[in-house]
Amino acid sequence: MEFSSNWHTNFLLFIEFLQHQAAGILVAVIAIILVGNLVSKTATKYVQDDVVKHLIKKWTRYITVSFIILWVLILYNSHVQQDTPFYLFIIGVILAGLALSLRNFFSNFVAWGVIVSGKGFKSGDRIKVGSVSGDVIDIGLLRTTIAEIGEWVDADQSTGRLISVPNKIILEKEIINFTQGYDFIWDELRILITFESNWERAEEIINEIVLEDFNQKKEKIQERLKRVKRKYLLRYNYITPKVYVTIKDSGVELAVRYLVQARRRRTIEDTVSRTILLRFSKELDIDFAYPTMRIYKQTESNV
């Protein structure tokens, strides 16, 4: 308790010292920084390797900052009479800094324990946590590595970037898991045809195409759905593809909704789109629509 009281007193005295000596300290700090920059520029002037140059600049900054902190503490010790030895004050400062740094360490470590216990996600899952989406490729004690998807790439395909996120993010942000348990998601493909087209025939063709794919994976979908229902209160049972018809400004929109595995979304969409194009090309009364403008001219009849 005595050390704690002395530490609190020293801290208040240190703040008061900074307030009274602010101008002098600021000038000295600027001078030290300028000297550090001069040393860095002089050293890198004779070095050709860019990596070595970067290391020199980085370590010069580290040494400069460390020197400033040590100089301020020594200056403070020489101006203030205190019962606590100076080395104990330095230890206190270091411990306070470590406590702030280790706060994140312990948060990440606790979050790691939550993850490996099966809560949230596991390696191989496709997730979205915060603003990051991708496949989990490594779960470390402090950070999780994700192979990013999306961003500028359509249909949730890989960007090629690896993102390392702190584990504690799962304690602060919502987690969307695309593949945990029930690894099928709903996808939609929208097709616009002209008002003059035989939309009923178009709907029939689209249904045939998506049902053919659905029938190949129906048993797998049902098995996964049963497995999830044993663990979660999942109420929906409708898994069959469906086409929704909507009247738009430029034609009739047919939106087909179907289940796909999360990682095969673009592949299935490509297959379905190609098949629809081929089937529609054989139908004389089905045409794709696009935004158009029609102008009518009114003529006056001669009397």
Protein backbone atom coordinates (compact mmCIF):
# COMPACT_ATOMS: atom_id res chain seq x y z
CA MET A 1 0.00 0.00 0.00
CA GLU A 2 2.88 2.33 0.79
CA PHE A 3 4.41 1.80 -2.65
CA SER A 4 0.99 2.33 -4.26
CA SER A 5 0.55 5.61 -2.37
CA ASN A 6 4.05 6.78 -3.30
CA TRP A 7 3.44 5.85 -6.92
CA HIS A 8 0.22 7.89 -6.99
CA THR A 9 2.02 10.87 -5.44
CA ASN A 10 4.88 10.57 -7.94
CA PHE A 11 2.43 10.46 -10.82
CA LEU A 12 0.69 13.66 -9.71
CA LEU A 13 4.04 15.37 -9.20
CA PHE A 14 5.14 14.23 -12.65
CA ILE A 15 2.03 15.77 -14.26
CA GLU A 16 2.63 19.02 -12.38
CA PHE A 17 6.27 19.00 -13.50
CA LEU A 18 5.23 18.59 -17.15
CA GLN A 19 2.82 21.51 -16.85
CA HIS A 20 5.47 23.85 -15.44
CA GLN A 21 8.28 22.73 -17.73
CA ALA A 22 6.17 22.26 -20.90
CA ALA A 23 7.86 25.01 -22.97
CA GLY A 24 11.43 23.93 -22.18
CA ILE A 25 10.64 20.24 -22.68
CA LEU A 26 8.91 20.95 -26.02
CA VAL A 27 11.95 22.85 -27.33
CA ALA A 28 14.31 20.09 -26.19
CA VAL A 29 12.13 17.35 -27.68
CA ILE A 30 12.01 19.17 -31.05
CA ALA A 31 15.79 19.53 -30.95
CA ILE A 32 16.25 15.81 -30.17
CA ILE A 33 13.89 14.84 -33.02
CA LEU A 34 15.77 17.07 -35.46
CA VAL A 35 19.08 15.52 -34.40
CA GLY A 36 17.57 12.04 -34.82
CA ASN A 37 16.34 12.91 -38.33
CA LEU A 38 19.75 14.30 -39.23
CA VAL A 39 21.46 11.13 -38.02
CA SER A 40 18.95 9.00 -39.96
CA LYS A 41 19.44 10.96 -43.22
CA THR A 42 23.21 10.92 -42.87
CA ALA A 43 23.28 7.16 -42.21
CA THR A 44 20.94 6.28 -45.09
CA LYS A 45 22.84 8.54 -47.49
CA TYR A 46 25.64 5.98 -47.69
CA VAL A 47 23.40 2.88 -47.82
CA GLN A 48 22.12 1.49 -51.12
CA ASP A 49 19.89 -1.33 -49.88
CA ASP A 50 16.27 -0.13 -49.39
CA VAL A 51 15.59 -2.70 -46.66
CA VAL A 52 18.60 -1.54 -44.64
CA LYS A 53 17.53 2.08 -45.14
CA HIS A 54 14.09 1.29 -43.79
CA LEU A 55 15.55 -0.49 -40.75
CA ILE A 56 17.88 2.44 -40.02
CA LYS A 57 14.99 4.92 -40.17
CA LYS A 58 12.78 2.71 -37.98
CA TRP A 59 15.38 2.05 -35.29
CA THR A 60 16.46 5.68 -35.27
CA ARG A 61 12.87 6.61 -34.42
CA TYR A 62 12.74 3.97 -31.68
CA ILE A 63 16.01 5.17 -30.13
CA THR A 64 14.96 8.82 -30.38
CA VAL A 65 11.64 8.20 -28.62
CA SER A 66 13.31 6.06 -25.94
CA PHE A 67 15.94 8.76 -25.36
CA ILE A 68 13.25 11.46 -25.00
CA ILE A 69 11.31 9.41 -22.45
CA LEU A 70 14.43 8.56 -20.42
CA TRP A 71 15.65 12.18 -20.53
CA VAL A 72 12.30 13.54 -19.30
CA LEU A 73 12.22 11.03 -16.42
CA ILE A 74 15.79 11.85 -15.37
CA LEU A 75 15.02 15.58 -15.57
CA TYR A 76 11.96 15.07 -13.42
CA ASN A 77 13.93 13.11 -10.82
CA SER A 78 16.51 15.87 -10.55
CA HIS A 79 13.85 18.53 -9.90
CA VAL A 80 11.60 16.67 -7.45
CA GLN A 81 12.44 15.43 -3.97
CA GLN A 82 10.79 12.04 -3.42
CA ASP A 83 10.87 9.20 -0.90
CA THR A 84 10.51 6.49 -3.53
CA PRO A 85 13.85 5.65 -5.22
CA PHE A 86 14.05 6.68 -8.85
CA TYR A 87 14.50 3.11 -10.09
CA LEU A 88 11.19 2.16 -8.46
CA PHE A 89 9.52 5.05 -10.24
CA ILE A 90 10.95 3.82 -13.58
CA ILE A 91 9.73 0.30 -12.82
CA GLY A 92 6.29 1.70 -12.06
CA VAL A 93 6.18 3.53 -15.40
CA ILE A 94 7.25 0.36 -17.22
CA LEU A 95 4.66 -1.76 -15.40
CA ALA A 96 1.92 0.76 -16.18
CA GLY A 97 2.87 0.62 -19.87
CA LEU A 98 2.91 -3.17 -19.80
CA ALA A 99 -0.51 -3.25 -18.15
CA LEU A 100 -1.97 -1.14 -20.97
CA SER A 101 -0.27 -3.30 -23.62
CA LEU A 102 -1.23 -6.60 -22.01
CA ARG A 103 -4.88 -5.58 -21.83
CA ASN A 104 -5.21 -6.31 -25.56
CA PHE A 105 -3.08 -9.44 -25.16
CA PHE A 106 -5.42 -10.93 -22.56
CA SER A 107 -8.52 -9.90 -24.54
CA ASN A 108 -7.16 -11.69 -27.63
CA PHE A 109 -6.19 -14.74 -25.58
CA VAL A 110 -9.64 -15.00 -23.96
CA ALA A 111 -11.26 -14.64 -27.40
CA TRP A 112 -8.99 -17.45 -28.71
CA GLY A 113 -10.34 -19.69 -25.94
CA VAL A 114 -13.89 -18.86 -27.02
CA ILE A 115 -13.07 -19.65 -30.67
CA VAL A 116 -11.36 -23.00 -30.06
CA SER A 117 -14.21 -24.06 -27.79
CA GLY A 118 -16.37 -24.17 -30.91
CA LYS A 119 -18.13 -20.82 -30.56
CA GLY A 120 -18.16 -18.61 -33.63
CA PHE A 121 -16.06 -20.36 -36.25
CA LYS A 122 -13.28 -22.85 -36.98
CA SER A 123 -10.51 -23.18 -39.57
CA GLY A 124 -12.00 -23.62 -43.02
CA ASP A 125 -15.21 -21.69 -42.30
CA ARG A 126 -16.31 -18.81 -44.51
CA ILE A 127 -17.19 -15.91 -42.25
CA LYS A 128 -17.86 -12.20 -42.08
CA VAL A 129 -16.71 -10.47 -38.92
CA GLY A 130 -16.95 -6.71 -38.78
CA SER A 131 -16.06 -5.44 -42.26
CA VAL A 132 -13.90 -8.46 -43.15
CA SER A 133 -15.24 -11.43 -45.17
CA GLY A 134 -13.31 -14.55 -46.12
CA ASP A 135 -12.17 -18.08 -45.37
CA VAL A 136 -10.50 -18.78 -42.01
CA ILE A 137 -7.09 -20.32 -42.72
CA ASP A 138 -5.40 -20.03 -39.32
CA ILE A 139 -6.46 -19.36 -35.73
CA GLY A 140 -3.55 -18.17 -33.59
CA LEU A 141 -3.37 -17.35 -29.90
CA LEU A 142 -3.72 -13.64 -30.60
CA ARG A 143 -4.80 -13.22 -34.22
CA THR A 144 -6.86 -15.04 -36.85
CA THR A 145 -5.80 -15.06 -40.51
CA ILE A 146 -8.53 -14.80 -43.16
CA ALA A 147 -8.24 -15.25 -46.93
CA GLU A 148 -10.35 -12.31 -48.07
CA ILE A 149 -13.30 -12.55 -50.45
CA GLY A 150 -15.52 -9.90 -51.99
CA GLU A 151 -14.49 -6.22 -51.99
CA TRP A 152 -13.85 -5.40 -55.68
CA VAL A 153 -14.41 -9.05 -56.72
CA ASP A 154 -17.99 -10.13 -57.45
CA ALA A 155 -19.86 -13.19 -56.17
CA ASP A 156 -17.75 -13.65 -53.03
CA GLN A 157 -14.63 -14.85 -54.82
CA SER A 158 -11.11 -14.54 -53.42
CA THR A 159 -9.22 -11.24 -53.70
CA GLY A 160 -5.85 -12.91 -53.06
CA ARG A 161 -5.25 -10.88 -49.88
CA LEU A 162 -4.64 -12.37 -46.43
CA ILE A 163 -6.07 -10.35 -43.54
CA SER A 164 -4.92 -10.79 -39.96
CA VAL A 165 -7.52 -9.70 -37.40
CA PRO A 166 -7.21 -9.67 -33.59
CA ASN A 167 -9.16 -12.46 -31.93
CA LYS A 168 -10.92 -10.01 -29.60
CA ILE A 169 -12.97 -8.78 -32.55
CA ILE A 170 -15.38 -11.71 -31.97
CA LEU A 171 -16.20 -10.22 -28.55
CA GLU A 172 -16.97 -6.83 -30.08
CA LYS A 173 -18.54 -7.53 -33.50
CA GLU A 174 -21.23 -9.76 -34.90
CA ILE A 175 -20.06 -12.95 -36.67
CA ILE A 176 -21.76 -14.21 -39.84
CA ASN A 177 -20.80 -17.82 -40.59
CA PHE A 178 -21.67 -18.98 -44.12
CA THR A 179 -20.60 -22.60 -43.66
CA GLN A 180 -21.16 -23.65 -40.06
CA GLY A 181 -23.48 -26.64 -39.94
CA TYR A 182 -25.80 -25.71 -42.80
CA ASP A 183 -23.42 -24.62 -45.56
CA PHE A 184 -26.07 -23.72 -48.15
CA ILE A 185 -27.19 -20.15 -48.80
CA TRP A 186 -29.92 -18.64 -50.94
CA ASP A 187 -28.90 -16.93 -54.16
CA GLU A 188 -31.00 -14.95 -56.64
CA LEU A 189 -30.66 -14.44 -60.37
CA ARG A 190 -32.79 -11.72 -61.99
CA ILE A 191 -33.76 -11.90 -65.68
CA LEU A 192 -35.67 -9.16 -67.52
CA ILE A 193 -37.71 -10.02 -70.61
CA THR A 194 -39.94 -7.84 -72.81
CA PHE A 195 -43.66 -7.36 -72.17
CA GLU A 196 -44.34 -9.02 -75.55
CA SER A 197 -42.45 -12.18 -74.50
CA ASN A 198 -44.13 -15.37 -73.36
CA TRP A 199 -43.22 -14.90 -69.70
CA GLU A 200 -45.01 -18.08 -68.62
CA ARG A 201 -42.84 -20.15 -70.96
CA ALA A 202 -39.75 -18.29 -69.71
CA GLU A 203 -40.72 -19.07 -66.11
CA GLU A 204 -41.19 -22.74 -67.02
CA ILE A 205 -37.73 -22.93 -68.63
CA ILE A 206 -35.99 -21.29 -65.65
CA ASN A 207 -37.77 -23.63 -63.25
CA GLU A 208 -36.64 -26.66 -65.24
CA ILE A 209 -33.02 -25.50 -65.18
CA VAL A 210 -32.75 -24.77 -61.45
CA LEU A 211 -34.77 -27.86 -60.48
CA GLU A 212 -32.35 -30.06 -62.39
CA ASP A 213 -29.47 -28.73 -60.28
CA PHE A 214 -31.57 -28.87 -57.10
CA ASN A 215 -32.54 -32.52 -57.57
CA GLN A 216 -28.85 -33.47 -57.71
CA LYS A 217 -28.18 -32.03 -54.25
CA LYS A 218 -31.63 -32.34 -52.63
CA GLU A 219 -30.68 -35.21 -50.31
CA LYS A 220 -27.54 -33.43 -49.14
CA ILE A 221 -29.52 -30.25 -48.40
CA GLN A 222 -32.15 -32.17 -46.44
CA GLU A 223 -29.51 -34.05 -44.44
CA ARG A 224 -27.70 -30.81 -43.54
CA LEU A 225 -30.99 -29.16 -42.62
CA LYS A 226 -31.91 -32.00 -40.24
CA ARG A 227 -28.48 -31.77 -38.61
CA VAL A 228 -28.88 -28.05 -37.99
CA LYS A 229 -32.42 -28.48 -36.63
CA ARG A 230 -31.09 -30.86 -34.01
CA LYS A 231 -28.87 -28.08 -32.71
CA TYR A 232 -30.80 -24.88 -33.43
CA LEU A 233 -34.45 -23.81 -33.48
CA LEU A 234 -34.60 -23.48 -37.26
CA ARG A 235 -38.19 -23.32 -38.45
CA TYR A 236 -38.14 -23.02 -42.24
CA ASN A 237 -38.56 -26.16 -44.34
CA TYR A 238 -39.02 -24.75 -47.85
CA ILE A 239 -35.89 -25.52 -49.87
CA THR A 240 -37.26 -25.86 -53.41
CA PRO A 241 -36.20 -23.22 -55.99
CA LYS A 242 -38.85 -20.67 -56.89
CA VAL A 243 -39.34 -18.05 -59.61
CA TYR A 244 -40.91 -14.71 -58.63
CA VAL A 245 -42.53 -12.53 -61.31
CA THR A 246 -42.44 -8.73 -61.09
CA ILE A 247 -43.59 -6.03 -63.51
CA LYS A 248 -40.81 -3.49 -64.17
CA ASP A 249 -40.65 -0.30 -66.24
CA SER A 250 -38.82 -2.00 -69.11
CA GLY A 251 -40.36 -5.46 -69.00
CA VAL A 252 -41.19 -8.50 -66.88
CA GLU A 253 -38.60 -9.50 -64.29
CA LEU A 254 -38.19 -13.16 -63.40
CA ALA A 255 -36.21 -13.57 -60.17
CA VAL A 256 -35.20 -17.16 -59.50
CA ARG A 257 -34.25 -18.03 -55.90
CA TYR A 258 -32.28 -21.22 -55.28
CA LEU A 259 -29.92 -22.81 -52.75
CA VAL A 260 -26.18 -23.05 -53.44
CA GLN A 261 -23.15 -23.99 -51.41
CA ALA A 262 -21.47 -20.81 -50.20
CA ARG A 263 -18.21 -21.43 -52.05
CA ARG A 264 -19.95 -22.43 -55.33
CA ARG A 265 -22.18 -19.39 -55.69
CA ARG A 266 -20.50 -17.94 -58.76
CA THR A 267 -19.96 -21.32 -60.41
CA ILE A 268 -23.65 -22.26 -60.16
CA GLU A 269 -24.76 -18.79 -61.24
CA ASP A 270 -22.52 -19.07 -64.31
CA THR A 271 -23.93 -22.51 -65.20
CA VAL A 272 -27.54 -21.42 -64.75
CA SER A 273 -27.00 -18.21 -66.75
CA ARG A 274 -25.37 -20.04 -69.67
CA THR A 275 -28.15 -22.63 -69.76
CA ILE A 276 -30.85 -19.94 -69.71
CA LEU A 277 -29.17 -18.09 -72.59
CA LEU A 278 -29.03 -21.27 -74.67
CA ARG A 279 -32.63 -22.25 -73.92
CA PHE A 280 -34.03 -18.75 -74.54
CA SER A 281 -32.19 -18.51 -77.88
CA LYS A 282 -34.31 -21.41 -79.14
CA GLU A 283 -37.58 -19.69 -78.21
CA LEU A 284 -38.96 -17.30 -80.83
CA ASP A 285 -41.38 -15.64 -78.43
CA ILE A 286 -38.91 -14.80 -75.63
CA ASP A 287 -36.66 -11.72 -75.84
CA PHE A 288 -34.47 -10.09 -73.24
CA ALA A 289 -35.50 -6.55 -72.29
CA TYR A 290 -33.44 -3.44 -71.73
CA PRO A 291 -34.29 0.20 -70.96
CA THR A 292 -35.93 1.75 -74.04
CA MET A 293 -37.70 4.95 -74.98
CA ARG A 294 -40.64 5.13 -77.38
CA ILE A 295 -41.62 8.39 -79.07
CA TYR A 296 -45.08 8.86 -80.59
CA LYS A 297 -45.70 11.63 -83.12
CA GLN A 298 -49.15 13.10 -83.38
CA THR A 299 -50.20 14.41 -86.79
CA GLU A 300 -52.95 16.91 -87.49
CA SER A 301 -55.58 15.82 -90.02
CA ASN A 302 -56.44 18.26 -92.83
CA VAL A 303 -59.96 19.60 -92.74
